[in-house]
């Protein structure tokens, strides 16, 4: 059996009882290590689970999936995913490979950022399409996510923005020369995401547009959701470019039309209540 086990969002103890039982019975246990991170390291997980974990990076999962599934038809193998196995990043490919090989699979769900964002008070059924905001480079500055945020907002929907994670990435030079030298991990902050959005707004204005999203659009910054030191801050997009939320992981929400109860909840986390009210009430119903 192949087990896909969600680990939740905080630390080692966020795994479900069912998930922990599975981890302790499996012959091999893999830890997916490139789409998200917990607030604790691999060693802490191993101590709590009482099992050795095999790190599975992007290369392993995408190019060496057969090694994960090896002998899973005659023994139990677990694949651990931070959050929910089918939350922010699906692992359908692994499931399809298992089915093709005649290996049965079971999914053990857990909390993910996709539902935990409700902690800020915005109602989950008022969210539109989720988008990813990637790190820009000197030569690559995509803006497609901005158009999706605009479409959500025009429909009165909130947008959850998942922020880029760079783990085990190679520089172009090392990649070209085939050197297995990796860059330090990088995690996009709410500040960086807001700065890129502000730059897009300026670009659109230079092109003669008046964007639906502006410097005064109400946003929510979230950091380390599910951890004891989680932080939430609400305010304008401009304020999100300077707010201090600490270490990773961060997420950003661009609000749409807000219900009065949503607005009351966001006030609990406001960076500046006066400017927040001036802007927020323009979009409430």
C-alpha atoms as a PDB file:
ATOM      1  CA  UNK A   1       0.000   0.000   0.000  1.00  0.00           C
ATOM      2  CA  UNK A   2       1.109   3.555  -0.754  1.00  0.00           C
ATOM      3  CA  UNK A   3       0.003   6.015   1.917  1.00  0.00           C
ATOM      4  CA  UNK A   4      -0.084   9.760   1.232  1.00  0.00           C
ATOM      5  CA  UNK A   5      -0.089  11.383   4.658  1.00  0.00           C
ATOM      6  CA  UNK A   6      -0.764  15.051   5.413  1.00  0.00           C
ATOM      7  CA  UNK A   7       1.351  16.516   8.219  1.00  0.00           C
ATOM      8  CA  UNK A   8      -0.627  19.699   8.887  1.00  0.00           C
ATOM      9  CA  UNK A   9       0.907  23.148   9.135  1.00  0.00           C
ATOM     10  CA  UNK A  10       2.750  23.518  12.429  1.00  0.00           C
ATOM     11  CA  UNK A  11       5.089  21.023  14.062  1.00  0.00           C
ATOM     12  CA  UNK A  12       5.544  17.281  14.491  1.00  0.00           C
ATOM     13  CA  UNK A  13       2.420  16.883  16.639  1.00  0.00           C
ATOM     14  CA  UNK A  14       0.063  18.165  13.930  1.00  0.00           C
ATOM     15  CA  UNK A  15       0.022  14.771  12.235  1.00  0.00           C
ATOM     16  CA  UNK A  16      -3.288  12.929  12.803  1.00  0.00           C
ATOM     17  CA  UNK A  17      -3.459   9.853  15.032  1.00  0.00           C
ATOM     18  CA  UNK A  18      -4.269   7.774  11.956  1.00  0.00           C
ATOM     19  CA  UNK A  19      -1.319   9.271  10.100  1.00  0.00           C
ATOM     20  CA  UNK A  20       1.072   8.563  12.969  1.00  0.00           C
ATOM     21  CA  UNK A  21      -0.062   4.922  13.132  1.00  0.00           C
ATOM     22  CA  UNK A  22       0.630   4.565   9.411  1.00  0.00           C
ATOM     23  CA  UNK A  23       4.093   6.161   9.675  1.00  0.00           C
ATOM     24  CA  UNK A  24       5.081   3.755  12.430  1.00  0.00           C
ATOM     25  CA  UNK A  25       3.956   0.675  10.488  1.00  0.00           C
ATOM     26  CA  UNK A  26       5.511   1.462   7.094  1.00  0.00           C
ATOM     27  CA  UNK A  27       8.742  -0.065   5.848  1.00  0.00           C
ATOM     28  CA  UNK A  28       9.865   3.175   4.181  1.00  0.00           C
ATOM     29  CA  UNK A  29       8.768   6.726   4.958  1.00  0.00           C
ATOM     30  CA  UNK A  30       9.477   9.609   2.552  1.00  0.00           C
ATOM     31  CA  UNK A  31       9.235  13.296   3.465  1.00  0.00           C
ATOM     32  CA  UNK A  32       8.347  15.560   0.534  1.00  0.00           C
ATOM     33  CA  UNK A  33      10.723  18.478   0.925  1.00  0.00           C
ATOM     34  CA  UNK A  34      10.141  21.087  -1.765  1.00  0.00           C
ATOM     35  CA  UNK A  35       6.584  22.498  -1.797  1.00  0.00           C
ATOM     36  CA  UNK A  36       6.415  23.625   1.830  1.00  0.00           C
ATOM     37  CA  UNK A  37       8.161  23.467   5.206  1.00  0.00           C
ATOM     38  CA  UNK A  38       7.170  22.824   8.802  1.00  0.00           C
ATOM     39  CA  UNK A  39       8.397  24.959  11.692  1.00  0.00           C
ATOM     40  CA  UNK A  40      10.587  22.057  12.820  1.00  0.00           C
ATOM     41  CA  UNK A  41      13.307  20.101  11.039  1.00  0.00           C
ATOM     42  CA  UNK A  42      13.571  16.497   9.846  1.00  0.00           C
ATOM     43  CA  UNK A  43      15.365  15.398  13.027  1.00  0.00           C
ATOM     44  CA  UNK A  44      12.493  16.579  15.265  1.00  0.00           C
ATOM     45  CA  UNK A  45       9.997  14.697  13.094  1.00  0.00           C
ATOM     46  CA  UNK A  46      12.110  11.542  13.239  1.00  0.00           C
ATOM     47  CA  UNK A  47      12.341  11.719  17.017  1.00  0.00           C
ATOM     48  CA  UNK A  48       8.577  12.145  17.436  1.00  0.00           C
ATOM     49  CA  UNK A  49       7.601   9.545  14.836  1.00  0.00           C
ATOM     50  CA  UNK A  50      10.242   7.085  15.980  1.00  0.00           C
ATOM     51  CA  UNK A  51      11.206   6.494  12.354  1.00  0.00           C
ATOM     52  CA  UNK A  52      13.925   7.434   9.920  1.00  0.00           C
ATOM     53  CA  UNK A  53      12.664   9.706   7.126  1.00  0.00           C
ATOM     54  CA  UNK A  54      13.961   9.719   3.555  1.00  0.00           C
ATOM     55  CA  UNK A  55      13.982  13.245   2.093  1.00  0.00           C
ATOM     56  CA  UNK A  56      12.255  13.392  -1.292  1.00  0.00           C
ATOM     57  CA  UNK A  57      13.131  16.565  -3.197  1.00  0.00           C
ATOM     58  CA  UNK A  58      11.565  17.721  -6.454  1.00  0.00           C
ATOM     59  CA  UNK A  59      14.031  15.687  -8.539  1.00  0.00           C
ATOM     60  CA  UNK A  60      13.269  12.491  -6.620  1.00  0.00           C
ATOM     61  CA  UNK A  61       9.488  12.896  -6.851  1.00  0.00           C
ATOM     62  CA  UNK A  62       9.383  13.993 -10.493  1.00  0.00           C
ATOM     63  CA  UNK A  63      12.164  11.876 -11.984  1.00  0.00           C
ATOM     64  CA  UNK A  64      12.641   8.940  -9.639  1.00  0.00           C
ATOM     65  CA  UNK A  65       9.065   8.192  -8.549  1.00  0.00           C
ATOM     66  CA  UNK A  66       9.602   4.517  -9.304  1.00  0.00           C
ATOM     67  CA  UNK A  67      12.139   4.314  -6.451  1.00  0.00           C
ATOM     68  CA  UNK A  68       9.460   5.598  -4.050  1.00  0.00           C
ATOM     69  CA  UNK A  69       6.984   2.999  -5.297  1.00  0.00           C
ATOM     70  CA  UNK A  70       9.507   0.140  -5.298  1.00  0.00           C
ATOM     71  CA  UNK A  71       8.029  -2.922  -3.543  1.00  0.00           C
ATOM     72  CA  UNK A  72       4.980  -0.876  -2.439  1.00  0.00           C
ATOM     73  CA  UNK A  73       2.890  -3.763  -3.819  1.00  0.00           C
ATOM     74  CA  UNK A  74       4.274  -6.092  -1.132  1.00  0.00           C
ATOM     75  CA  UNK A  75       4.990  -3.678   1.744  1.00  0.00           C
ATOM     76  CA  UNK A  76       3.703  -0.364   3.102  1.00  0.00           C
ATOM     77  CA  UNK A  77       5.330   2.894   1.955  1.00  0.00           C
ATOM     78  CA  UNK A  78       4.385   6.348   3.287  1.00  0.00           C
ATOM     79  CA  UNK A  79       4.815   9.652   1.491  1.00  0.00           C
ATOM     80  CA  UNK A  80       4.544  12.590   3.904  1.00  0.00           C
ATOM     81  CA  UNK A  81       3.396  16.007   2.700  1.00  0.00           C
ATOM     82  CA  UNK A  82       3.328  19.237   4.716  1.00  0.00           C
ATOM     83  CA  UNK A  83      -0.281  20.438   4.877  1.00  0.00           C
ATOM     84  CA  UNK A  84      -2.620  18.147   2.942  1.00  0.00           C
ATOM     85  CA  UNK A  85      -1.441  15.696   0.248  1.00  0.00           C
ATOM     86  CA  UNK A  86      -3.762  17.351  -2.262  1.00  0.00           C
ATOM     87  CA  UNK A  87      -3.676  20.885  -0.845  1.00  0.00           C
ATOM     88  CA  UNK A  88      -1.543  23.561  -2.424  1.00  0.00           C
ATOM     89  CA  UNK A  89       0.334  21.137  -4.684  1.00  0.00           C
ATOM     90  CA  UNK A  90      -1.308  17.915  -5.830  1.00  0.00           C
ATOM     91  CA  UNK A  91       0.562  14.663  -6.030  1.00  0.00           C
ATOM     92  CA  UNK A  92      -1.704  13.089  -8.614  1.00  0.00           C
ATOM     93  CA  UNK A  93       1.242  11.872 -10.693  1.00  0.00           C
ATOM     94  CA  UNK A  94       2.449   9.617  -7.871  1.00  0.00           C
ATOM     95  CA  UNK A  95      -1.059   8.206  -7.424  1.00  0.00           C
ATOM     96  CA  UNK A  96      -1.467   7.559 -11.161  1.00  0.00           C
ATOM     97  CA  UNK A  97       1.889   5.770 -11.275  1.00  0.00           C
ATOM     98  CA  UNK A  98       0.877   3.606  -8.325  1.00  0.00           C
ATOM     99  CA  UNK A  99      -2.457   2.683  -9.935  1.00  0.00           C
ATOM    100  CA  UNK A 100      -0.692   1.798 -13.193  1.00  0.00           C
ATOM    101  CA  UNK A 101       1.592  -0.556 -11.260  1.00  0.00           C
ATOM    102  CA  UNK A 102      -1.357  -2.141  -9.471  1.00  0.00           C
ATOM    103  CA  UNK A 103      -0.396  -0.615  -6.100  1.00  0.00           C
ATOM    104  CA  UNK A 104      -3.354   0.374  -3.882  1.00  0.00           C
ATOM    105  CA  UNK A 105      -3.179   3.773  -2.179  1.00  0.00           C
ATOM    106  CA  UNK A 106      -4.775   5.561   0.770  1.00  0.00           C
ATOM    107  CA  UNK A 107      -4.871   9.303   1.466  1.00  0.00           C
ATOM    108  CA  UNK A 108      -4.838  10.604   5.047  1.00  0.00           C
ATOM    109  CA  UNK A 109      -5.868  14.252   4.986  1.00  0.00           C
ATOM    110  CA  UNK A 110      -4.836  17.127   7.228  1.00  0.00           C
ATOM    111  CA  UNK A 111      -5.113  20.918   7.440  1.00  0.00           C
ATOM    112  CA  UNK A 112      -3.525  22.957   4.654  1.00  0.00           C
ATOM    113  CA  UNK A 113      -3.081  26.649   3.953  1.00  0.00           C
ATOM    114  CA  UNK A 114      -6.055  26.346   1.589  1.00  0.00           C
ATOM    115  CA  UNK A 115      -8.479  26.066   4.496  1.00  0.00           C
ATOM    116  CA  UNK A 116      -6.388  27.451   7.369  1.00  0.00           C
ATOM    117  CA  UNK A 117      -6.489  30.956   5.832  1.00  0.00           C
ATOM    118  CA  UNK A 118      -9.921  31.200   7.416  1.00  0.00           C
ATOM    119  CA  UNK A 119      -8.060  32.145  10.617  1.00  0.00           C
ATOM    120  CA  UNK A 120      -8.011  35.768   9.425  1.00  0.00           C
ATOM    121  CA  UNK A 121     -11.810  35.925   9.367  1.00  0.00           C
ATOM    122  CA  UNK A 122     -12.394  35.894   5.612  1.00  0.00           C
ATOM    123  CA  UNK A 123     -14.975  33.271   4.665  1.00  0.00           C
ATOM    124  CA  UNK A 124     -13.583  30.386   2.640  1.00  0.00           C
ATOM    125  CA  UNK A 125     -16.485  30.210   0.202  1.00  0.00           C
ATOM    126  CA  UNK A 126     -15.781  33.835  -0.795  1.00  0.00           C
ATOM    127  CA  UNK A 127     -12.390  32.929  -2.283  1.00  0.00           C
ATOM    128  CA  UNK A 128     -11.832  32.670  -6.025  1.00  0.00           C
ATOM    129  CA  UNK A 129      -8.959  31.002  -7.885  1.00  0.00           C
ATOM    130  CA  UNK A 130      -5.765  30.616  -5.857  1.00  0.00           C
ATOM    131  CA  UNK A 131      -2.625  32.021  -7.503  1.00  0.00           C
ATOM    132  CA  UNK A 132       1.105  31.583  -7.059  1.00  0.00           C
ATOM    133  CA  UNK A 133       3.437  34.581  -7.012  1.00  0.00           C
ATOM    134  CA  UNK A 134       6.929  33.673  -8.177  1.00  0.00           C
ATOM    135  CA  UNK A 135      10.249  35.409  -7.589  1.00  0.00           C
ATOM    136  CA  UNK A 136      11.095  37.784 -10.400  1.00  0.00           C
ATOM    137  CA  UNK A 137      14.535  37.793 -11.979  1.00  0.00           C
ATOM    138  CA  UNK A 138      16.306  40.456 -14.019  1.00  0.00           C
ATOM    139  CA  UNK A 139      15.085  38.811 -17.230  1.00  0.00           C
ATOM    140  CA  UNK A 140      11.794  37.171 -16.183  1.00  0.00           C
ATOM    141  CA  UNK A 141       8.965  39.172 -14.645  1.00  0.00           C
ATOM    142  CA  UNK A 142       5.656  37.395 -15.306  1.00  0.00           C
ATOM    143  CA  UNK A 143       2.399  39.223 -14.556  1.00  0.00           C
ATOM    144  CA  UNK A 144      -0.205  36.555 -15.384  1.00  0.00           C
ATOM    145  CA  UNK A 145      -1.097  36.039 -11.710  1.00  0.00           C
ATOM    146  CA  UNK A 146      -2.145  39.716 -11.524  1.00  0.00           C
ATOM    147  CA  UNK A 147      -4.821  39.160 -14.165  1.00  0.00           C
ATOM    148  CA  UNK A 148      -6.250  36.239 -12.174  1.00  0.00           C
ATOM    149  CA  UNK A 149      -6.360  38.375  -9.016  1.00  0.00           C
ATOM    150  CA  UNK A 150      -8.122  41.111 -11.017  1.00  0.00           C
ATOM    151  CA  UNK A 151     -10.717  38.641 -12.319  1.00  0.00           C
ATOM    152  CA  UNK A 152     -11.409  37.364  -8.792  1.00  0.00           C
ATOM    153  CA  UNK A 153     -11.803  40.910  -7.471  1.00  0.00           C
ATOM    154  CA  UNK A 154     -14.135  41.898 -10.311  1.00  0.00           C
ATOM    155  CA  UNK A 155     -16.292  38.939  -9.234  1.00  0.00           C
ATOM    156  CA  UNK A 156     -16.182  40.124  -5.617  1.00  0.00           C
ATOM    157  CA  UNK A 157     -13.948  37.193  -4.586  1.00  0.00           C
ATOM    158  CA  UNK A 158     -10.861  37.124  -2.374  1.00  0.00           C
ATOM    159  CA  UNK A 159      -7.577  35.739  -3.738  1.00  0.00           C
ATOM    160  CA  UNK A 160      -5.167  33.562  -1.780  1.00  0.00           C
ATOM    161  CA  UNK A 161      -1.641  34.133  -3.091  1.00  0.00           C
ATOM    162  CA  UNK A 162       0.823  31.323  -2.393  1.00  0.00           C
ATOM    163  CA  UNK A 163       4.332  32.757  -2.297  1.00  0.00           C
ATOM    164  CA  UNK A 164       7.355  31.265  -4.000  1.00  0.00           C
ATOM    165  CA  UNK A 165       9.703  28.776  -2.357  1.00  0.00           C
ATOM    166  CA  UNK A 166      13.162  28.136  -3.811  1.00  0.00           C
ATOM    167  CA  UNK A 167      14.709  24.985  -2.348  1.00  0.00           C
ATOM    168  CA  UNK A 168      17.618  23.073  -3.895  1.00  0.00           C
ATOM    169  CA  UNK A 169      17.794  25.469  -6.845  1.00  0.00           C
ATOM    170  CA  UNK A 170      20.885  25.794  -9.051  1.00  0.00           C
ATOM    171  CA  UNK A 171      22.294  28.991 -10.509  1.00  0.00           C
ATOM    172  CA  UNK A 172      22.145  29.177 -14.335  1.00  0.00           C
ATOM    173  CA  UNK A 173      25.946  28.797 -14.451  1.00  0.00           C
ATOM    174  CA  UNK A 174      26.013  25.667 -12.276  1.00  0.00           C
ATOM    175  CA  UNK A 175      23.052  24.245 -14.164  1.00  0.00           C
ATOM    176  CA  UNK A 176      24.784  24.735 -17.525  1.00  0.00           C
ATOM    177  CA  UNK A 177      28.008  23.186 -16.268  1.00  0.00           C
ATOM    178  CA  UNK A 178      26.205  20.272 -14.635  1.00  0.00           C
ATOM    179  CA  UNK A 179      27.542  21.088 -11.188  1.00  0.00           C
ATOM    180  CA  UNK A 180      25.412  19.805  -8.314  1.00  0.00           C
ATOM    181  CA  UNK A 181      25.878  23.044  -6.349  1.00  0.00           C
ATOM    182  CA  UNK A 182      22.695  24.482  -4.925  1.00  0.00           C
ATOM    183  CA  UNK A 183      21.690  27.987  -3.912  1.00  0.00           C
ATOM    184  CA  UNK A 184      20.629  28.700  -0.298  1.00  0.00           C
ATOM    185  CA  UNK A 185      16.858  28.228   0.271  1.00  0.00           C
ATOM    186  CA  UNK A 186      14.729  31.327  -0.338  1.00  0.00           C
ATOM    187  CA  UNK A 187      11.172  31.957   0.790  1.00  0.00           C
ATOM    188  CA  UNK A 188       9.173  34.888  -0.574  1.00  0.00           C
ATOM    189  CA  UNK A 189       7.876  37.275   2.070  1.00  0.00           C
ATOM    190  CA  UNK A 190       4.623  39.237   2.060  1.00  0.00           C
ATOM    191  CA  UNK A 191       6.778  42.375   1.575  1.00  0.00           C
ATOM    192  CA  UNK A 192       8.366  41.018  -1.602  1.00  0.00           C
ATOM    193  CA  UNK A 193       5.033  39.849  -3.027  1.00  0.00           C
ATOM    194  CA  UNK A 194       3.461  43.252  -2.317  1.00  0.00           C
ATOM    195  CA  UNK A 195       6.398  45.054  -3.949  1.00  0.00           C
ATOM    196  CA  UNK A 196       5.993  42.993  -7.119  1.00  0.00           C
ATOM    197  CA  UNK A 197       2.256  43.694  -7.201  1.00  0.00           C
ATOM    198  CA  UNK A 198       2.905  47.425  -6.741  1.00  0.00           C
ATOM    199  CA  UNK A 199       5.388  47.322  -9.625  1.00  0.00           C
ATOM    200  CA  UNK A 200       2.773  45.676 -11.858  1.00  0.00           C
ATOM    201  CA  UNK A 201       0.234  48.362 -10.923  1.00  0.00           C
ATOM    202  CA  UNK A 202       2.738  51.027 -12.020  1.00  0.00           C
ATOM    203  CA  UNK A 203       3.437  49.144 -15.258  1.00  0.00           C
ATOM    204  CA  UNK A 204      -0.268  48.919 -16.062  1.00  0.00           C
ATOM    205  CA  UNK A 205      -0.737  52.655 -15.460  1.00  0.00           C
ATOM    206  CA  UNK A 206       2.153  53.411 -17.810  1.00  0.00           C
ATOM    207  CA  UNK A 207       0.252  51.369 -20.405  1.00  0.00           C
ATOM    208  CA  UNK A 208      -2.806  53.574 -19.921  1.00  0.00           C
ATOM    209  CA  UNK A 209      -4.791  51.200 -17.686  1.00  0.00           C
ATOM    210  CA  UNK A 210      -6.348  51.925 -14.309  1.00  0.00           C
ATOM    211  CA  UNK A 211      -5.969  48.608 -12.485  1.00  0.00           C
ATOM    212  CA  UNK A 212      -8.772  47.126 -10.374  1.00  0.00           C
ATOM    213  CA  UNK A 213      -6.174  46.554  -7.652  1.00  0.00           C
ATOM    214  CA  UNK A 214      -4.373  49.636  -6.301  1.00  0.00           C
ATOM    215  CA  UNK A 215      -2.011  50.661  -3.522  1.00  0.00           C
ATOM    216  CA  UNK A 216      -5.081  51.117  -1.284  1.00  0.00           C
ATOM    217  CA  UNK A 217      -6.664  47.699  -1.872  1.00  0.00           C
ATOM    218  CA  UNK A 218      -7.187  45.915   1.450  1.00  0.00           C
ATOM    219  CA  UNK A 219      -4.945  42.872   1.855  1.00  0.00           C
ATOM    220  CA  UNK A 220      -4.044  40.354   4.532  1.00  0.00           C
ATOM    221  CA  UNK A 221      -0.542  39.092   5.229  1.00  0.00           C
ATOM    222  CA  UNK A 222      -0.139  35.764   7.027  1.00  0.00           C
ATOM    223  CA  UNK A 223       2.996  34.115   8.374  1.00  0.00           C
ATOM    224  CA  UNK A 224       3.594  30.634   9.833  1.00  0.00           C
ATOM    225  CA  UNK A 225      -0.105  29.779   9.914  1.00  0.00           C
ATOM    226  CA  UNK A 226      -0.771  26.985  12.382  1.00  0.00           C
ATOM    227  CA  UNK A 227       2.376  27.635  14.425  1.00  0.00           C
ATOM    228  CA  UNK A 228       2.348  29.127  17.950  1.00  0.00           C
ATOM    229  CA  UNK A 229       3.972  32.306  16.604  1.00  0.00           C
ATOM    230  CA  UNK A 230       1.695  32.782  13.598  1.00  0.00           C
ATOM    231  CA  UNK A 231       1.161  36.393  12.566  1.00  0.00           C
ATOM    232  CA  UNK A 232      -1.687  38.067  10.703  1.00  0.00           C
ATOM    233  CA  UNK A 233      -1.703  41.667   9.492  1.00  0.00           C
ATOM    234  CA  UNK A 234      -4.442  43.459   7.539  1.00  0.00           C
ATOM    235  CA  UNK A 235      -4.078  46.749   5.729  1.00  0.00           C
ATOM    236  CA  UNK A 236      -3.504  48.281   2.326  1.00  0.00           C
ATOM    237  CA  UNK A 237      -1.312  46.692  -0.323  1.00  0.00           C
ATOM    238  CA  UNK A 238       1.171  49.512   0.268  1.00  0.00           C
ATOM    239  CA  UNK A 239       1.268  48.700   3.993  1.00  0.00           C
ATOM    240  CA  UNK A 240       1.917  45.035   3.158  1.00  0.00           C
ATOM    241  CA  UNK A 241       5.154  46.092   1.459  1.00  0.00           C
ATOM    242  CA  UNK A 242       6.542  47.299   4.801  1.00  0.00           C
ATOM    243  CA  UNK A 243       4.775  45.184   7.465  1.00  0.00           C
ATOM    244  CA  UNK A 244       7.065  42.994   9.598  1.00  0.00           C
ATOM    245  CA  UNK A 245       5.887  39.364   9.799  1.00  0.00           C
ATOM    246  CA  UNK A 246       9.122  37.495  10.562  1.00  0.00           C
ATOM    247  CA  UNK A 247      10.286  34.167   9.177  1.00  0.00           C
ATOM    248  CA  UNK A 248       8.637  31.915   6.560  1.00  0.00           C
ATOM    249  CA  UNK A 249       6.250  30.670   5.351  1.00  0.00           C
ATOM    250  CA  UNK A 250       4.198  33.684   4.224  1.00  0.00           C
ATOM    251  CA  UNK A 251       0.909  33.990   2.301  1.00  0.00           C
ATOM    252  CA  UNK A 252      -0.933  37.051   0.988  1.00  0.00           C
ATOM    253  CA  UNK A 253      -4.653  37.610   0.466  1.00  0.00           C
ATOM    254  CA  UNK A 254      -6.083  40.281  -1.838  1.00  0.00           C
ATOM    255  CA  UNK A 255      -9.636  40.950  -0.674  1.00  0.00           C
ATOM    256  CA  UNK A 256     -12.733  41.247  -2.823  1.00  0.00           C
ATOM    257  CA  UNK A 257     -16.148  42.404  -1.618  1.00  0.00           C
ATOM    258  CA  UNK A 258     -16.350  41.920   2.147  1.00  0.00           C
ATOM    259  CA  UNK A 259     -19.251  40.925   4.356  1.00  0.00           C
ATOM    260  CA  UNK A 260     -19.543  43.137   7.488  1.00  0.00           C
ATOM    261  CA  UNK A 261     -18.477  40.192   9.681  1.00  0.00           C
ATOM    262  CA  UNK A 262     -15.363  39.673   7.550  1.00  0.00           C
ATOM    263  CA  UNK A 263     -14.533  43.342   7.921  1.00  0.00           C
ATOM    264  CA  UNK A 264     -14.962  43.229  11.699  1.00  0.00           C
ATOM    265  CA  UNK A 265     -12.581  40.274  11.885  1.00  0.00           C
ATOM    266  CA  UNK A 266      -9.966  41.981   9.699  1.00  0.00           C
ATOM    267  CA  UNK A 267     -10.017  44.993  12.013  1.00  0.00           C
ATOM    268  CA  UNK A 268      -8.603  42.734  14.746  1.00  0.00           C
ATOM    269  CA  UNK A 269      -5.401  42.469  12.715  1.00  0.00           C
ATOM    270  CA  UNK A 270      -5.222  45.972  11.224  1.00  0.00           C
ATOM    271  CA  UNK A 271      -1.832  47.652  10.821  1.00  0.00           C
ATOM    272  CA  UNK A 272      -3.457  51.089  11.021  1.00  0.00           C
ATOM    273  CA  UNK A 273      -7.166  51.144  11.890  1.00  0.00           C
ATOM    274  CA  UNK A 274      -7.825  54.625  10.485  1.00  0.00           C
ATOM    275  CA  UNK A 275      -6.436  54.026   7.015  1.00  0.00           C
ATOM    276  CA  UNK A 276      -7.892  50.524   7.027  1.00  0.00           C
ATOM    277  CA  UNK A 277     -11.447  51.761   7.569  1.00  0.00           C
ATOM    278  CA  UNK A 278     -11.138  54.516   4.982  1.00  0.00           C
ATOM    279  CA  UNK A 279     -10.235  51.980   2.298  1.00  0.00           C
ATOM    280  CA  UNK A 280     -12.136  48.898   3.382  1.00  0.00           C
ATOM    281  CA  UNK A 281     -15.597  50.391   3.525  1.00  0.00           C
ATOM    282  CA  UNK A 282     -15.436  51.217  -0.171  1.00  0.00           C
ATOM    283  CA  UNK A 283     -15.651  47.519  -1.023  1.00  0.00           C
ATOM    284  CA  UNK A 284     -18.121  46.185   1.528  1.00  0.00           C
ATOM    285  CA  UNK A 285     -21.751  45.258   0.976  1.00  0.00           C
END
